[in-house]
Amino acid sequence: MDELKNLESLGLVLPSPAYISGAILFGLFGYVAYRRGRKTSTPALTWTGVALMVYPYAVQQTWLLWGVGVALCGWAYTKWH
């Protein structure tokens, strides 16, 4: 337990379960969108899929992760058809 407190004092904290589940969920949606975009030759859907897979690495706040993820999923949904 002391190791965890030492890491927290250095500024390293573990992500919340909501963050981890969001990163996994949006990564999976991104992979599906990427595959669909490549199959149908739709660049907007392909790049939206890439963005969904990559952006969790750049975002630290859980609310921002979910907000951007929902927005990108909405954008991918409009390009799906």
PDB file of N, CA and C in Angstrom:
ATOM      1  N   MET A   1       0.825  -1.185   0.000  1.00  0.00           N
ATOM      2  CA  MET A   1       0.000   0.000   0.000  1.00  0.00           C
ATOM      3  C   MET A   1       0.875   1.256   0.000  1.00  0.00           C
ATOM      4  N   ASP A   2       2.058   1.161   0.588  1.00  0.00           N
ATOM      5  CA  ASP A   2       2.963   2.303   0.594  1.00  0.00           C
ATOM      6  C   ASP A   2       3.429   2.654  -0.820  1.00  0.00           C
ATOM      7  N   GLU A   3       3.580   1.646  -1.673  1.00  0.00           N
ATOM      8  CA  GLU A   3       4.002   1.900  -3.040  1.00  0.00           C
ATOM      9  C   GLU A   3       2.966   2.746  -3.779  1.00  0.00           C
ATOM     10  N   LEU A   4       1.697   2.445  -3.548  1.00  0.00           N
ATOM     11  CA  LEU A   4       0.624   3.204  -4.187  1.00  0.00           C
ATOM     12  C   LEU A   4       0.620   4.651  -3.718  1.00  0.00           C
ATOM     13  N   LYS A   5       0.844   4.861  -2.433  1.00  0.00           N
ATOM     14  CA  LYS A   5       0.905   6.227  -1.910  1.00  0.00           C
ATOM     15  C   LYS A   5       2.126   6.964  -2.436  1.00  0.00           C
ATOM     16  N   ASN A   6       3.236   6.258  -2.598  1.00  0.00           N
ATOM     17  CA  ASN A   6       4.435   6.871  -3.159  1.00  0.00           C
ATOM     18  C   ASN A   6       4.201   7.290  -4.609  1.00  0.00           C
ATOM     19  N   LEU A   7       3.544   6.438  -5.377  1.00  0.00           N
ATOM     20  CA  LEU A   7       3.239   6.778  -6.767  1.00  0.00           C
ATOM     21  C   LEU A   7       2.275   7.955  -6.850  1.00  0.00           C
ATOM     22  N   GLU A   8       1.289   7.999  -5.959  1.00  0.00           N
ATOM     23  CA  GLU A   8       0.348   9.118  -5.948  1.00  0.00           C
ATOM     24  C   GLU A   8       1.050  10.422  -5.593  1.00  0.00           C
ATOM     25  N   SER A   9       2.036  10.357  -4.718  1.00  0.00           N
ATOM     26  CA  SER A   9       2.771  11.576  -4.372  1.00  0.00           C
ATOM     27  C   SER A   9       3.610  12.074  -5.546  1.00  0.00           C
ATOM     28  N   LEU A  10       3.964  11.174  -6.469  1.00  0.00           N
ATOM     29  CA  LEU A  10       4.697  11.564  -7.673  1.00  0.00           C
ATOM     30  C   LEU A  10       3.770  12.047  -8.787  1.00  0.00           C
ATOM     31  N   GLY A  11       2.474  11.957  -8.570  1.00  0.00           N
ATOM     32  CA  GLY A  11       1.508  12.398  -9.576  1.00  0.00           C
ATOM     33  C   GLY A  11       0.987  11.283 -10.455  1.00  0.00           C
ATOM     34  N   LEU A  12       1.339  10.050 -10.180  1.00  0.00           N
ATOM     35  CA  LEU A  12       0.863   8.918 -10.964  1.00  0.00           C
ATOM     36  C   LEU A  12      -0.330   8.291 -10.254  1.00  0.00           C
ATOM     37  N   VAL A  13      -1.478   8.339 -10.891  1.00  0.00           N
ATOM     38  CA  VAL A  13      -2.688   7.762 -10.304  1.00  0.00           C
ATOM     39  C   VAL A  13      -3.290   6.779 -11.295  1.00  0.00           C
ATOM     40  N   LEU A  14      -3.948   5.775 -10.764  1.00  0.00           N
ATOM     41  CA  LEU A  14      -4.607   4.789 -11.604  1.00  0.00           C
ATOM     42  C   LEU A  14      -5.909   5.368 -12.155  1.00  0.00           C
ATOM     43  N   PRO A  15      -6.246   5.052 -13.405  1.00  0.00           N
ATOM     44  CA  PRO A  15      -7.513   5.536 -13.945  1.00  0.00           C
ATOM     45  C   PRO A  15      -8.691   4.841 -13.279  1.00  0.00           C
ATOM     46  N   SER A  16      -9.837   5.515 -13.319  1.00  0.00           N
ATOM     47  CA  SER A  16     -11.041   4.954 -12.717  1.00  0.00           C
ATOM     48  C   SER A  16     -11.603   3.836 -13.608  1.00  0.00           C
ATOM     49  N   PRO A  17     -12.437   2.978 -13.048  1.00  0.00           N
ATOM     50  CA  PRO A  17     -13.069   1.937 -13.860  1.00  0.00           C
ATOM     51  C   PRO A  17     -13.918   2.520 -15.002  1.00  0.00           C
ATOM     52  N   ALA A  18     -14.526   3.687 -14.782  1.00  0.00           N
ATOM     53  CA  ALA A  18     -15.314   4.326 -15.846  1.00  0.00           C
ATOM     54  C   ALA A  18     -14.408   4.743 -17.003  1.00  0.00           C
ATOM     55  N   TYR A  19     -13.215   5.209 -16.700  1.00  0.00           N
ATOM     56  CA  TYR A  19     -12.272   5.605 -17.739  1.00  0.00           C
ATOM     57  C   TYR A  19     -11.800   4.380 -18.524  1.00  0.00           C
ATOM     58  N   ILE A  20     -11.453   3.320 -17.809  1.00  0.00           N
ATOM     59  CA  ILE A  20     -10.960   2.113 -18.473  1.00  0.00           C
ATOM     60  C   ILE A  20     -12.037   1.501 -19.365  1.00  0.00           C
ATOM     61  N   SER A  21     -13.268   1.423 -18.856  1.00  0.00           N
ATOM     62  CA  SER A  21     -14.346   0.850 -19.671  1.00  0.00           C
ATOM     63  C   SER A  21     -14.644   1.729 -20.878  1.00  0.00           C
ATOM     64  N   GLY A  22     -14.583   3.053 -20.722  1.00  0.00           N
ATOM     65  CA  GLY A  22     -14.789   3.940 -21.859  1.00  0.00           C
ATOM     66  C   GLY A  22     -13.704   3.799 -22.906  1.00  0.00           C
ATOM     67  N   ALA A  23     -12.455   3.692 -22.470  1.00  0.00           N
ATOM     68  CA  ALA A  23     -11.352   3.536 -23.412  1.00  0.00           C
ATOM     69  C   ALA A  23     -11.484   2.236 -24.202  1.00  0.00           C
ATOM     70  N   ILE A  24     -11.880   1.168 -23.523  1.00  0.00           N
ATOM     71  CA  ILE A  24     -12.066  -0.113 -24.211  1.00  0.00           C
ATOM     72  C   ILE A  24     -13.254  -0.050 -25.167  1.00  0.00           C
ATOM     73  N   LEU A  25     -14.357   0.510 -24.704  1.00  0.00           N
ATOM     74  CA  LEU A  25     -15.564   0.597 -25.518  1.00  0.00           C
ATOM     75  C   LEU A  25     -15.328   1.431 -26.782  1.00  0.00           C
ATOM     76  N   PHE A  26     -14.751   2.614 -26.624  1.00  0.00           N
ATOM     77  CA  PHE A  26     -14.529   3.474 -27.788  1.00  0.00           C
ATOM     78  C   PHE A  26     -13.431   2.923 -28.692  1.00  0.00           C
ATOM     79  N   GLY A  27     -12.486   2.196 -28.120  1.00  0.00           N
ATOM     80  CA  GLY A  27     -11.485   1.533 -28.946  1.00  0.00           C
ATOM     81  C   GLY A  27     -12.104   0.460 -29.823  1.00  0.00           C
ATOM     82  N   LEU A  28     -13.035  -0.314 -29.255  1.00  0.00           N
ATOM     83  CA  LEU A  28     -13.724  -1.339 -30.042  1.00  0.00           C
ATOM     84  C   LEU A  28     -14.603  -0.719 -31.128  1.00  0.00           C
ATOM     85  N   PHE A  29     -15.331   0.339 -30.774  1.00  0.00           N
ATOM     86  CA  PHE A  29     -16.142   1.026 -31.783  1.00  0.00           C
ATOM     87  C   PHE A  29     -15.253   1.608 -32.878  1.00  0.00           C
ATOM     88  N   GLY A  30     -14.108   2.130 -32.481  1.00  0.00           N
ATOM     89  CA  GLY A  30     -13.169   2.674 -33.458  1.00  0.00           C
ATOM     90  C   GLY A  30     -12.652   1.611 -34.394  1.00  0.00           C
ATOM     91  N   TYR A  31     -12.359   0.450 -33.866  1.00  0.00           N
ATOM     92  CA  TYR A  31     -11.880  -0.642 -34.711  1.00  0.00           C
ATOM     93  C   TYR A  31     -12.941  -1.065 -35.726  1.00  0.00           C
ATOM     94  N   VAL A  32     -14.190  -1.169 -35.262  1.00  0.00           N
ATOM     95  CA  VAL A  32     -15.287  -1.543 -36.167  1.00  0.00           C
ATOM     96  C   VAL A  32     -15.485  -0.461 -37.233  1.00  0.00           C
ATOM     97  N   ALA A  33     -15.447   0.800 -36.840  1.00  0.00           N
ATOM     98  CA  ALA A  33     -15.609   1.890 -37.802  1.00  0.00           C
ATOM     99  C   ALA A  33     -14.453   1.913 -38.800  1.00  0.00           C
ATOM    100  N   TYR A  34     -13.244   1.670 -38.329  1.00  0.00           N
ATOM    101  CA  TYR A  34     -12.079   1.630 -39.217  1.00  0.00           C
ATOM    102  C   TYR A  34     -12.226   0.523 -40.252  1.00  0.00           C
ATOM    103  N   ARG A  35     -12.607  -0.665 -39.790  1.00  0.00           N
ATOM    104  CA  ARG A  35     -12.763  -1.788 -40.718  1.00  0.00           C
ATOM    105  C   ARG A  35     -13.862  -1.514 -41.741  1.00  0.00           C
ATOM    106  N   ARG A  36     -14.982  -0.947 -41.271  1.00  0.00           N
ATOM    107  CA  ARG A  36     -16.094  -0.641 -42.179  1.00  0.00           C
ATOM    108  C   ARG A  36     -15.683   0.440 -43.184  1.00  0.00           C
ATOM    109  N   GLY A  37     -14.957   1.440 -42.718  1.00  0.00           N
ATOM    110  CA  GLY A  37     -14.495   2.494 -43.615  1.00  0.00           C
ATOM    111  C   GLY A  37     -13.537   1.990 -44.674  1.00  0.00           C
ATOM    112  N   ARG A  38     -12.660   1.070 -44.289  1.00  0.00           N
ATOM    113  CA  ARG A  38     -11.735   0.490 -45.272  1.00  0.00           C
ATOM    114  C   ARG A  38     -12.479  -0.387 -46.276  1.00  0.00           C
ATOM    115  N   LYS A  39     -13.451  -1.129 -45.794  1.00  0.00           N
ATOM    116  CA  LYS A  39     -14.195  -2.037 -46.661  1.00  0.00           C
ATOM    117  C   LYS A  39     -15.034  -1.275 -47.680  1.00  0.00           C
ATOM    118  N   THR A  40     -15.637  -0.156 -47.249  1.00  0.00           N
ATOM    119  CA  THR A  40     -16.519   0.608 -48.131  1.00  0.00           C
ATOM    120  C   THR A  40     -15.810   1.787 -48.794  1.00  0.00           C
ATOM    121  N   SER A  41     -14.507   1.920 -48.576  1.00  0.00           N
ATOM    122  CA  SER A  41     -13.706   3.021 -49.138  1.00  0.00           C
ATOM    123  C   SER A  41     -14.288   4.382 -48.762  1.00  0.00           C
ATOM    124  N   THR A  42     -14.593   4.540 -47.477  1.00  0.00           N
ATOM    125  CA  THR A  42     -15.113   5.796 -46.940  1.00  0.00           C
ATOM    126  C   THR A  42     -14.042   6.409 -46.031  1.00  0.00           C
ATOM    127  N   PRO A  43     -13.281   7.388 -46.544  1.00  0.00           N
ATOM    128  CA  PRO A  43     -12.185   7.945 -45.742  1.00  0.00           C
ATOM    129  C   PRO A  43     -12.644   8.599 -44.434  1.00  0.00           C
ATOM    130  N   ALA A  44     -13.798   9.251 -44.438  1.00  0.00           N
ATOM    131  CA  ALA A  44     -14.271   9.903 -43.216  1.00  0.00           C
ATOM    132  C   ALA A  44     -14.522   8.879 -42.117  1.00  0.00           C
ATOM    133  N   LEU A  45     -15.093   7.758 -42.461  1.00  0.00           N
ATOM    134  CA  LEU A  45     -15.357   6.711 -41.480  1.00  0.00           C
ATOM    135  C   LEU A  45     -14.054   6.041 -41.029  1.00  0.00           C
ATOM    136  N   THR A  46     -13.138   5.856 -41.954  1.00  0.00           N
ATOM    137  CA  THR A  46     -11.846   5.258 -41.613  1.00  0.00           C
ATOM    138  C   THR A  46     -11.097   6.125 -40.614  1.00  0.00           C
ATOM    139  N   TRP A  47     -11.015   7.422 -40.883  1.00  0.00           N
ATOM    140  CA  TRP A  47     -10.263   8.313 -39.997  1.00  0.00           C
ATOM    141  C   TRP A  47     -10.989   8.553 -38.677  1.00  0.00           C
ATOM    142  N   THR A  48     -12.301   8.491 -38.691  1.00  0.00           N
ATOM    143  CA  THR A  48     -13.038   8.581 -37.429  1.00  0.00           C
ATOM    144  C   THR A  48     -12.742   7.359 -36.567  1.00  0.00           C
ATOM    145  N   GLY A  49     -12.646   6.206 -37.190  1.00  0.00           N
ATOM    146  CA  GLY A  49     -12.276   4.995 -36.466  1.00  0.00           C
ATOM    147  C   GLY A  49     -10.881   5.098 -35.871  1.00  0.00           C
ATOM    148  N   VAL A  50      -9.951   5.652 -36.624  1.00  0.00           N
ATOM    149  CA  VAL A  50      -8.594   5.847 -36.106  1.00  0.00           C
ATOM    150  C   VAL A  50      -8.620   6.809 -34.921  1.00  0.00           C
ATOM    151  N   ALA A  51      -9.382   7.884 -35.048  1.00  0.00           N
ATOM    152  CA  ALA A  51      -9.475   8.859 -33.953  1.00  0.00           C
ATOM    153  C   ALA A  51     -10.071   8.220 -32.699  1.00  0.00           C
ATOM    154  N   LEU A  52     -11.095   7.380 -32.873  1.00  0.00           N
ATOM    155  CA  LEU A  52     -11.703   6.704 -31.727  1.00  0.00           C
ATOM    156  C   LEU A  52     -10.725   5.754 -31.035  1.00  0.00           C
ATOM    157  N   MET A  53      -9.836   5.150 -31.801  1.00  0.00           N
ATOM    158  CA  MET A  53      -8.880   4.237 -31.202  1.00  0.00           C
ATOM    159  C   MET A  53      -7.720   4.958 -30.518  1.00  0.00           C
ATOM    160  N   VAL A  54      -7.372   6.146 -30.986  1.00  0.00           N
ATOM    161  CA  VAL A  54      -6.155   6.822 -30.518  1.00  0.00           C
ATOM    162  C   VAL A  54      -6.414   7.857 -29.430  1.00  0.00           C
ATOM    163  N   TYR A  55      -7.529   8.563 -29.480  1.00  0.00           N
ATOM    164  CA  TYR A  55      -7.709   9.705 -28.587  1.00  0.00           C
ATOM    165  C   TYR A  55      -7.699   9.366 -27.089  1.00  0.00           C
ATOM    166  N   PRO A  56      -8.074   8.160 -26.644  1.00  0.00           N
ATOM    167  CA  PRO A  56      -7.994   7.903 -25.193  1.00  0.00           C
ATOM    168  C   PRO A  56      -6.574   8.040 -24.624  1.00  0.00           C
ATOM    169  N   TYR A  57      -5.562   7.908 -25.471  1.00  0.00           N
ATOM    170  CA  TYR A  57      -4.190   8.069 -24.998  1.00  0.00           C
ATOM    171  C   TYR A  57      -3.851   9.523 -24.714  1.00  0.00           C
ATOM    172  N   ALA A  58      -4.598  10.453 -25.286  1.00  0.00           N
ATOM    173  CA  ALA A  58      -4.304  11.876 -25.130  1.00  0.00           C
ATOM    174  C   ALA A  58      -5.194  12.562 -24.103  1.00  0.00           C
ATOM    175  N   VAL A  59      -6.247  11.913 -23.650  1.00  0.00           N
ATOM    176  CA  VAL A  59      -7.218  12.517 -22.750  1.00  0.00           C
ATOM    177  C   VAL A  59      -7.049  11.918 -21.363  1.00  0.00           C
ATOM    178  N   GLN A  60      -7.055  12.768 -20.334  1.00  0.00           N
ATOM    179  CA  GLN A  60      -6.864  12.274 -18.978  1.00  0.00           C
ATOM    180  C   GLN A  60      -8.143  12.318 -18.142  1.00  0.00           C
ATOM    181  N   GLN A  61      -9.044  13.230 -18.423  1.00  0.00           N
ATOM    182  CA  GLN A  61     -10.274  13.356 -17.637  1.00  0.00           C
ATOM    183  C   GLN A  61     -11.331  12.391 -18.169  1.00  0.00           C
ATOM    184  N   THR A  62     -12.033  11.756 -17.248  1.00  0.00           N
ATOM    185  CA  THR A  62     -13.059  10.781 -17.627  1.00  0.00           C
ATOM    186  C   THR A  62     -14.219  11.441 -18.360  1.00  0.00           C
ATOM    187  N   TRP A  63     -14.665  12.609 -17.888  1.00  0.00           N
ATOM    188  CA  TRP A  63     -15.790  13.278 -18.538  1.00  0.00           C
ATOM    189  C   TRP A  63     -15.431  13.675 -19.970  1.00  0.00           C
ATOM    190  N   LEU A  64     -14.178  14.056 -20.196  1.00  0.00           N
ATOM    191  CA  LEU A  64     -13.746  14.433 -21.541  1.00  0.00           C
ATOM    192  C   LEU A  64     -13.646  13.207 -22.440  1.00  0.00           C
ATOM    193  N   LEU A  65     -13.189  12.101 -21.882  1.00  0.00           N
ATOM    194  CA  LEU A  65     -13.115  10.856 -22.643  1.00  0.00           C
ATOM    195  C   LEU A  65     -14.494  10.459 -23.151  1.00  0.00           C
ATOM    196  N   TRP A  66     -15.492  10.485 -22.259  1.00  0.00           N
ATOM    197  CA  TRP A  66     -16.847  10.096 -22.651  1.00  0.00           C
ATOM    198  C   TRP A  66     -17.480  11.122 -23.582  1.00  0.00           C
ATOM    199  N   GLY A  67     -17.242  12.403 -23.354  1.00  0.00           N
ATOM    200  CA  GLY A  67     -17.818  13.440 -24.217  1.00  0.00           C
ATOM    201  C   GLY A  67     -17.301  13.363 -25.641  1.00  0.00           C
ATOM    202  N   VAL A  68     -15.987  13.277 -25.786  1.00  0.00           N
ATOM    203  CA  VAL A  68     -15.390  13.182 -27.124  1.00  0.00           C
ATOM    204  C   VAL A  68     -15.769  11.858 -27.776  1.00  0.00           C
ATOM    205  N   GLY A  69     -15.802  10.781 -26.987  1.00  0.00           N
ATOM    206  CA  GLY A  69     -16.164   9.475 -27.539  1.00  0.00           C
ATOM    207  C   GLY A  69     -17.571   9.430 -28.081  1.00  0.00           C
ATOM    208  N   VAL A  70     -18.500   9.993 -27.341  1.00  0.00           N
ATOM    209  CA  VAL A  70     -19.892  10.025 -27.812  1.00  0.00           C
ATOM    210  C   VAL A  70     -20.012  10.889 -29.063  1.00  0.00           C
ATOM    211  N   ALA A  71     -19.307  12.013 -29.095  1.00  0.00           N
ATOM    212  CA  ALA A  71     -19.347  12.891 -30.268  1.00  0.00           C
ATOM    213  C   ALA A  71     -18.758  12.190 -31.495  1.00  0.00           C
ATOM    214  N   LEU A  72     -17.636  11.518 -31.331  1.00  0.00           N
ATOM    215  CA  LEU A  72     -17.035  10.807 -32.464  1.00  0.00           C
ATOM    216  C   LEU A  72     -17.899   9.629 -32.915  1.00  0.00           C
ATOM    217  N   CYS A  73     -18.537   8.949 -31.975  1.00  0.00           N
ATOM    218  CA  CYS A  73     -19.448   7.857 -32.355  1.00  0.00           C
ATOM    219  C   CYS A  73     -20.654   8.392 -33.124  1.00  0.00           C
ATOM    220  N   GLY A  74     -21.160   9.547 -32.708  1.00  0.00           N
ATOM    221  CA  GLY A  74     -22.254  10.175 -33.449  1.00  0.00           C
ATOM    222  C   GLY A  74     -21.841  10.548 -34.857  1.00  0.00           C
ATOM    223  N   TRP A  75     -20.635  11.088 -34.997  1.00  0.00           N
ATOM    224  CA  TRP A  75     -20.107  11.436 -36.319  1.00  0.00           C
ATOM    225  C   TRP A  75     -19.951  10.172 -37.173  1.00  0.00           C
ATOM    226  N   ALA A  76     -19.425   9.097 -36.589  1.00  0.00           N
ATOM    227  CA  ALA A  76     -19.259   7.843 -37.320  1.00  0.00           C
ATOM    228  C   ALA A  76     -20.616   7.279 -37.738  1.00  0.00           C
ATOM    229  N   TYR A  77     -21.624   7.441 -36.879  1.00  0.00           N
ATOM    230  CA  TYR A  77     -22.955   6.942 -37.219  1.00  0.00           C
ATOM    231  C   TYR A  77     -23.521   7.656 -38.443  1.00  0.00           C
ATOM    232  N   THR A  78     -23.279   8.967 -38.539  1.00  0.00           N
ATOM    233  CA  THR A  78     -23.776   9.713 -39.710  1.00  0.00           C
ATOM    234  C   THR A  78     -23.055   9.297 -40.985  1.00  0.00           C
ATOM    235  N   LYS A  79     -21.824   8.839 -40.878  1.00  0.00           N
ATOM    236  CA  LYS A  79     -21.052   8.426 -42.062  1.00  0.00           C
ATOM    237  C   LYS A  79     -21.214   6.936 -42.374  1.00  0.00           C
ATOM    238  N   TRP A  80     -21.898   6.192 -41.503  1.00  0.00           N
ATOM    239  CA  TRP A  80     -22.000   4.753 -41.646  1.00  0.00           C
ATOM    240  C   TRP A  80     -22.794   4.361 -42.882  1.00  0.00           C
ATOM    241  N   HIS A  81     -23.809   5.135 -43.216  1.00  0.00           N
ATOM    242  CA  HIS A  81     -24.713   4.735 -44.309  1.00  0.00           C
ATOM    243  C   HIS A  81     -24.275   5.281 -45.628  1.00  0.00           C
TER     244      HIS A  81
END
